Amino acid sequence: QVNLVENGGGLVQAGGSLRLSCEGSGRTFNTYAAAWFRQAPGKERMFVASVNWRGDTTVIGDSVKDRFTISRDNAKNSVYLQMNSLKPEDTAVYFCAAGQPRNYITGPYAYWGQGTQVTVSS
């Protein structure tokens, strides 16, 4: 069993930056791929970024490419999402996920956090 807890969400002005963190518990967390997804009100959950268990391979969604980066620190059982040049359309609840997906973008991921709200004001 893996528990995931996200932190770092909040309110930021357009053009600003936020760094989300996801701390995983459980012996196997560091052997799993991890990802960030987001869901805006009235919209489907959307892939944002993923990283393999070693941290040396990442996939970034097209809508956030060149603005967001994903990384992990296995010594701290943590995965991070650095978000720069934020736009109002980035407003959403951001979820951390972990597992052994067949596909880094479509998953499926076995474990999910509760989510953290990110609001970008114009």
N, C-alpha and C. Protein backbone atom coordinates (compact mmCIF):
# COMPACT_ATOMS: atom_id res chain seq x y z
N GLN A 1 0.84 -1.19 0.00
CA GLN A 1 0.00 0.00 0.00
C GLN A 1 0.88 1.25 0.00
N VAL A 2 0.51 2.22 -0.81
CA VAL A 2 1.24 3.48 -0.90
C VAL A 2 0.25 4.61 -0.64
N ASN A 3 0.59 5.50 0.26
CA ASN A 3 -0.20 6.71 0.50
C ASN A 3 0.54 7.91 -0.06
N LEU A 4 -0.19 8.78 -0.71
CA LEU A 4 0.39 9.96 -1.34
C LEU A 4 -0.24 11.21 -0.76
N VAL A 5 0.59 12.18 -0.40
CA VAL A 5 0.09 13.44 0.16
C VAL A 5 0.72 14.59 -0.62
N GLU A 6 -0.14 15.41 -1.22
CA GLU A 6 0.32 16.56 -2.00
C GLU A 6 0.35 17.80 -1.13
N ASN A 7 1.29 18.68 -1.43
CA ASN A 7 1.39 19.98 -0.79
C ASN A 7 1.87 21.01 -1.79
N GLY A 8 1.67 22.27 -1.45
CA GLY A 8 2.24 23.34 -2.26
C GLY A 8 1.25 24.11 -3.10
N GLY A 9 0.01 23.68 -3.11
CA GLY A 9 -0.97 24.44 -3.89
C GLY A 9 -1.27 25.79 -3.25
N GLY A 10 -2.00 26.62 -3.98
CA GLY A 10 -2.36 27.92 -3.46
C GLY A 10 -2.81 28.85 -4.55
N LEU A 11 -2.86 30.13 -4.21
CA LEU A 11 -3.28 31.18 -5.13
C LEU A 11 -2.06 31.95 -5.61
N VAL A 12 -1.95 32.11 -6.91
CA VAL A 12 -0.82 32.82 -7.48
C VAL A 12 -1.30 33.66 -8.66
N GLN A 13 -0.63 34.76 -8.92
CA GLN A 13 -0.98 35.59 -10.07
C GLN A 13 -0.42 34.99 -11.36
N ALA A 14 -1.08 35.30 -12.43
CA ALA A 14 -0.59 34.85 -13.73
C ALA A 14 0.85 35.30 -13.94
N GLY A 15 1.65 34.38 -14.48
CA GLY A 15 3.06 34.63 -14.67
C GLY A 15 3.92 34.18 -13.51
N GLY A 16 3.29 33.84 -12.41
CA GLY A 16 4.02 33.40 -11.23
C GLY A 16 4.39 31.93 -11.27
N SER A 17 4.95 31.45 -10.16
CA SER A 17 5.42 30.07 -10.06
C SER A 17 4.93 29.43 -8.77
N LEU A 18 4.79 28.12 -8.84
CA LEU A 18 4.49 27.31 -7.66
C LEU A 18 5.25 26.00 -7.78
N ARG A 19 5.56 25.41 -6.66
CA ARG A 19 6.18 24.09 -6.65
C ARG A 19 5.33 23.16 -5.81
N LEU A 20 4.78 22.15 -6.45
CA LEU A 20 4.01 21.15 -5.75
C LEU A 20 4.91 20.00 -5.32
N SER A 21 4.60 19.44 -4.17
CA SER A 21 5.34 18.26 -3.73
C SER A 21 4.36 17.14 -3.42
N CYS A 22 4.84 15.93 -3.57
CA CYS A 22 4.04 14.74 -3.29
C CYS A 22 4.93 13.80 -2.50
N GLU A 23 4.56 13.53 -1.28
CA GLU A 23 5.34 12.62 -0.46
C GLU A 23 4.63 11.27 -0.39
N GLY A 24 5.37 10.23 -0.70
CA GLY A 24 4.81 8.89 -0.69
C GLY A 24 5.30 8.08 0.49
N SER A 25 4.41 7.31 1.06
CA SER A 25 4.79 6.40 2.13
C SER A 25 4.63 4.97 1.64
N GLY A 26 5.34 4.07 2.29
CA GLY A 26 5.30 2.68 1.86
C GLY A 26 6.62 2.29 1.23
N ARG A 27 6.98 1.03 1.42
CA ARG A 27 8.30 0.56 0.99
C ARG A 27 8.50 0.61 -0.50
N THR A 28 7.41 0.52 -1.25
CA THR A 28 7.54 0.37 -2.70
C THR A 28 7.44 1.67 -3.47
N PHE A 29 7.20 2.79 -2.80
CA PHE A 29 6.98 4.04 -3.54
C PHE A 29 8.12 4.35 -4.48
N ASN A 30 9.35 4.16 -4.02
CA ASN A 30 10.50 4.52 -4.82
C ASN A 30 10.75 3.56 -5.98
N THR A 31 9.97 2.50 -6.06
CA THR A 31 10.09 1.59 -7.20
C THR A 31 9.02 1.85 -8.26
N TYR A 32 8.17 2.84 -8.01
CA TYR A 32 7.06 3.13 -8.91
C TYR A 32 7.31 4.38 -9.73
N ALA A 33 6.75 4.40 -10.92
CA ALA A 33 6.64 5.65 -11.65
C ALA A 33 5.67 6.56 -10.91
N ALA A 34 5.83 7.87 -11.12
CA ALA A 34 4.93 8.84 -10.49
C ALA A 34 4.49 9.86 -11.53
N ALA A 35 3.36 10.45 -11.28
CA ALA A 35 2.81 11.40 -12.26
C ALA A 35 1.97 12.45 -11.56
N TRP A 36 1.74 13.53 -12.28
CA TRP A 36 0.81 14.56 -11.87
C TRP A 36 -0.30 14.65 -12.91
N PHE A 37 -1.52 14.75 -12.43
CA PHE A 37 -2.69 14.99 -13.25
C PHE A 37 -3.40 16.22 -12.68
N ARG A 38 -4.28 16.79 -13.46
CA ARG A 38 -5.06 17.91 -12.95
C ARG A 38 -6.49 17.82 -13.47
N GLN A 39 -7.38 18.39 -12.69
CA GLN A 39 -8.79 18.41 -13.08
C GLN A 39 -9.39 19.77 -12.76
N ALA A 40 -9.83 20.45 -13.79
CA ALA A 40 -10.49 21.74 -13.64
C ALA A 40 -11.99 21.50 -13.48
N PRO A 41 -12.71 22.45 -12.89
CA PRO A 41 -14.16 22.28 -12.70
C PRO A 41 -14.88 22.00 -14.01
N GLY A 42 -15.68 20.95 -14.02
CA GLY A 42 -16.46 20.62 -15.20
C GLY A 42 -15.68 19.96 -16.31
N LYS A 43 -14.41 19.65 -16.05
CA LYS A 43 -13.58 19.03 -17.09
C LYS A 43 -13.05 17.69 -16.62
N GLU A 44 -12.61 16.89 -17.57
CA GLU A 44 -12.03 15.60 -17.24
C GLU A 44 -10.62 15.77 -16.67
N ARG A 45 -10.22 14.78 -15.92
CA ARG A 45 -8.86 14.78 -15.40
C ARG A 45 -7.87 14.65 -16.57
N MET A 46 -6.79 15.42 -16.49
CA MET A 46 -5.86 15.50 -17.61
C MET A 46 -4.44 15.23 -17.14
N PHE A 47 -3.69 14.52 -17.94
CA PHE A 47 -2.29 14.24 -17.65
C PHE A 47 -1.46 15.52 -17.70
N VAL A 48 -0.55 15.67 -16.74
CA VAL A 48 0.35 16.82 -16.73
C VAL A 48 1.79 16.39 -16.99
N ALA A 49 2.30 15.47 -16.17
CA ALA A 49 3.69 15.06 -16.29
C ALA A 49 3.92 13.75 -15.55
N SER A 50 4.95 13.02 -15.97
CA SER A 50 5.29 11.79 -15.27
C SER A 50 6.80 11.62 -15.22
N VAL A 51 7.25 10.78 -14.30
CA VAL A 51 8.67 10.49 -14.14
C VAL A 51 8.82 9.02 -13.78
N ASN A 52 9.84 8.38 -14.32
CA ASN A 52 10.03 6.97 -14.00
C ASN A 52 10.63 6.81 -12.60
N TRP A 53 10.80 5.57 -12.16
CA TRP A 53 11.20 5.37 -10.77
C TRP A 53 12.60 5.88 -10.49
N ARG A 54 13.45 5.85 -11.51
CA ARG A 54 14.83 6.33 -11.30
C ARG A 54 14.92 7.85 -11.35
N GLY A 55 13.93 8.46 -12.00
CA GLY A 55 13.97 9.91 -12.12
C GLY A 55 14.71 10.40 -13.34
N ASP A 56 15.10 9.50 -14.25
CA ASP A 56 15.90 9.93 -15.40
C ASP A 56 15.11 9.97 -16.69
N THR A 57 13.83 9.67 -16.62
CA THR A 57 12.97 9.76 -17.80
C THR A 57 11.68 10.48 -17.41
N THR A 58 11.36 11.53 -18.14
CA THR A 58 10.14 12.28 -17.86
C THR A 58 9.30 12.44 -19.13
N VAL A 59 8.01 12.60 -18.93
CA VAL A 59 7.08 12.90 -20.00
C VAL A 59 6.29 14.13 -19.55
N ILE A 60 6.19 15.12 -20.41
CA ILE A 60 5.49 16.36 -20.07
C ILE A 60 4.34 16.55 -21.05
N GLY A 61 3.18 16.89 -20.52
CA GLY A 61 2.03 17.11 -21.38
C GLY A 61 2.21 18.32 -22.27
N ASP A 62 1.61 18.29 -23.43
CA ASP A 62 1.79 19.35 -24.42
C ASP A 62 1.34 20.71 -23.89
N SER A 63 0.29 20.74 -23.08
CA SER A 63 -0.25 22.03 -22.65
C SER A 63 0.64 22.72 -21.62
N VAL A 64 1.58 22.02 -21.05
CA VAL A 64 2.46 22.62 -20.03
C VAL A 64 3.93 22.52 -20.40
N LYS A 65 4.20 21.98 -21.57
CA LYS A 65 5.59 21.82 -21.99
C LYS A 65 6.27 23.18 -22.02
N ASP A 66 7.52 23.20 -21.62
CA ASP A 66 8.36 24.42 -21.56
C ASP A 66 8.01 25.30 -20.37
N ARG A 67 6.98 24.92 -19.58
CA ARG A 67 6.65 25.71 -18.38
C ARG A 67 6.74 24.88 -17.10
N PHE A 68 6.41 23.61 -17.20
CA PHE A 68 6.40 22.73 -16.03
C PHE A 68 7.52 21.70 -16.13
N THR A 69 8.09 21.34 -14.99
CA THR A 69 9.03 20.23 -14.94
C THR A 69 8.70 19.33 -13.77
N ILE A 70 8.98 18.04 -13.93
CA ILE A 70 8.74 17.06 -12.89
C ILE A 70 10.07 16.47 -12.48
N SER A 71 10.21 16.21 -11.20
CA SER A 71 11.43 15.59 -10.69
C SER A 71 11.09 14.77 -9.46
N ARG A 72 12.03 13.98 -9.01
CA ARG A 72 11.81 13.22 -7.79
C ARG A 72 13.10 13.10 -7.00
N ASP A 73 12.94 12.91 -5.70
CA ASP A 73 14.06 12.68 -4.81
C ASP A 73 13.71 11.44 -4.01
N ASN A 74 14.25 10.30 -4.41
CA ASN A 74 13.88 9.05 -3.76
C ASN A 74 14.39 8.97 -2.32
N ALA A 75 15.42 9.73 -2.01
CA ALA A 75 15.90 9.75 -0.63
C ALA A 75 14.87 10.39 0.29
N LYS A 76 14.01 11.23 -0.29
CA LYS A 76 12.97 11.91 0.48
C LYS A 76 11.58 11.36 0.16
N ASN A 77 11.53 10.28 -0.61
CA ASN A 77 10.23 9.70 -1.00
C ASN A 77 9.29 10.76 -1.58
N SER A 78 9.83 11.61 -2.42
CA SER A 78 9.05 12.75 -2.90
C SER A 78 9.16 12.96 -4.39
N VAL A 79 8.08 13.46 -4.94
CA VAL A 79 8.02 13.87 -6.34
C VAL A 79 7.58 15.32 -6.37
N TYR A 80 8.13 16.08 -7.32
CA TYR A 80 7.87 17.52 -7.37
C TYR A 80 7.35 17.92 -8.74
N LEU A 81 6.55 18.98 -8.75
CA LEU A 81 6.11 19.60 -10.00
C LEU A 81 6.42 21.09 -9.90
N GLN A 82 7.40 21.53 -10.65
CA GLN A 82 7.74 22.95 -10.70
C GLN A 82 6.93 23.58 -11.81
N MET A 83 6.13 24.57 -11.46
CA MET A 83 5.23 25.21 -12.42
C MET A 83 5.63 26.68 -12.55
N ASN A 84 6.05 27.05 -13.74
CA ASN A 84 6.46 28.43 -14.03
C ASN A 84 5.53 29.05 -15.07
N SER A 85 5.56 30.36 -15.15
CA SER A 85 4.75 31.09 -16.13
C SER A 85 3.30 30.62 -16.09
N LEU A 86 2.76 30.58 -14.91
CA LEU A 86 1.40 30.05 -14.74
C LEU A 86 0.37 30.93 -15.43
N LYS A 87 -0.66 30.25 -15.94
CA LYS A 87 -1.74 30.92 -16.65
C LYS A 87 -3.06 30.62 -15.93
N PRO A 88 -4.06 31.47 -16.10
CA PRO A 88 -5.36 31.19 -15.47
C PRO A 88 -5.91 29.81 -15.85
N GLU A 89 -5.62 29.36 -17.05
CA GLU A 89 -6.12 28.04 -17.48
C GLU A 89 -5.41 26.88 -16.79
N ASP A 90 -4.38 27.17 -16.02
CA ASP A 90 -3.73 26.12 -15.21
C ASP A 90 -4.49 25.87 -13.91
N THR A 91 -5.49 26.69 -13.62
CA THR A 91 -6.29 26.53 -12.41
C THR A 91 -6.97 25.17 -12.40
N ALA A 92 -6.74 24.41 -11.34
CA ALA A 92 -7.28 23.04 -11.25
C ALA A 92 -6.88 22.44 -9.90
N VAL A 93 -7.46 21.30 -9.61
CA VAL A 93 -6.95 20.47 -8.53
C VAL A 93 -5.90 19.55 -9.13
N TYR A 94 -4.73 19.55 -8.51
CA TYR A 94 -3.62 18.75 -9.00
C TYR A 94 -3.47 17.50 -8.14
N PHE A 95 -3.39 16.35 -8.81
CA PHE A 95 -3.30 15.07 -8.14
C PHE A 95 -1.97 14.40 -8.44
N CYS A 96 -1.41 13.80 -7.42
CA CYS A 96 -0.23 12.96 -7.56
C CYS A 96 -0.68 11.52 -7.70
N ALA A 97 0.03 10.77 -8.54
CA ALA A 97 -0.29 9.36 -8.75
C ALA A 97 1.00 8.54 -8.81
N ALA A 98 0.90 7.27 -8.46
CA ALA A 98 2.07 6.39 -8.52
C ALA A 98 1.63 4.99 -8.90
N GLY A 99 2.55 4.26 -9.50
CA GLY A 99 2.23 2.88 -9.87
C GLY A 99 3.16 2.37 -10.95
N GLN A 100 2.71 1.33 -11.61
CA GLN A 100 3.46 0.73 -12.71
C GLN A 100 2.56 0.74 -13.94
N PRO A 101 2.38 1.90 -14.54
CA PRO A 101 1.42 2.02 -15.64
C PRO A 101 1.91 1.36 -16.91
N ARG A 102 0.95 0.95 -17.73
CA ARG A 102 1.33 0.44 -19.05
C ARG A 102 1.80 1.58 -19.95
N ASN A 103 1.28 2.75 -19.67
CA ASN A 103 1.62 3.95 -20.45
C ASN A 103 1.72 5.11 -19.48
N TYR A 104 2.81 5.87 -19.57
CA TYR A 104 3.02 6.95 -18.59
C TYR A 104 1.91 7.99 -18.65
N ILE A 105 1.30 8.19 -19.82
CA ILE A 105 0.27 9.22 -19.95
C ILE A 105 -1.11 8.69 -19.58
N THR A 106 -1.47 7.55 -20.10
CA THR A 106 -2.82 7.02 -19.89
C THR A 106 -2.94 6.09 -18.69
N GLY A 107 -1.82 5.69 -18.15
CA GLY A 107 -1.83 4.87 -16.94
C GLY A 107 -2.05 3.40 -17.24
N PRO A 108 -2.81 2.70 -16.39
CA PRO A 108 -3.39 3.25 -15.17
C PRO A 108 -2.39 3.32 -14.01
N TYR A 109 -2.63 4.24 -13.11
CA TYR A 109 -1.86 4.37 -11.89
C TYR A 109 -2.67 3.81 -10.72
N ALA A 110 -2.00 3.05 -9.88
CA ALA A 110 -2.71 2.33 -8.81
C ALA A 110 -3.02 3.21 -7.61
N TYR A 111 -2.19 4.21 -7.37
CA TYR A 111 -2.31 5.00 -6.14
C TYR A 111 -2.46 6.48 -6.47
N TRP A 112 -3.33 7.12 -5.69
CA TRP A 112 -3.64 8.53 -5.93
C TRP A 112 -3.69 9.30 -4.62
N GLY A 113 -3.24 10.57 -4.67
CA GLY A 113 -3.39 11.45 -3.54
C GLY A 113 -4.75 12.12 -3.56
N GLN A 114 -4.99 12.95 -2.56
CA GLN A 114 -6.27 13.63 -2.41
C GLN A 114 -6.37 14.90 -3.26
N GLY A 115 -5.23 15.40 -3.70
CA GLY A 115 -5.23 16.58 -4.55
C GLY A 115 -4.95 17.86 -3.79
N THR A 116 -4.42 18.83 -4.51
CA THR A 116 -4.16 20.14 -3.96
C THR A 116 -4.62 21.19 -4.96
N GLN A 117 -5.29 22.23 -4.46
CA GLN A 117 -5.88 23.24 -5.36
C GLN A 117 -4.82 24.26 -5.78
N VAL A 118 -4.78 24.52 -7.07
CA VAL A 118 -3.96 25.59 -7.62
C VAL A 118 -4.90 26.56 -8.32
N THR A 119 -4.82 27.82 -7.93
CA THR A 119 -5.66 28.85 -8.53
C THR A 119 -4.75 29.96 -9.05
N VAL A 120 -4.89 30.26 -10.34
CA VAL A 120 -4.09 31.29 -10.97
C VAL A 120 -5.01 32.44 -11.35
N SER A 121 -4.75 33.59 -10.78
CA SER A 121 -5.58 34.77 -11.05
C SER A 121 -5.00 35.57 -12.20
N SER A 122 -5.89 36.21 -12.95
CA SER A 122 -5.44 36.99 -14.11
C SER A 122 -5.15 38.43 -13.73
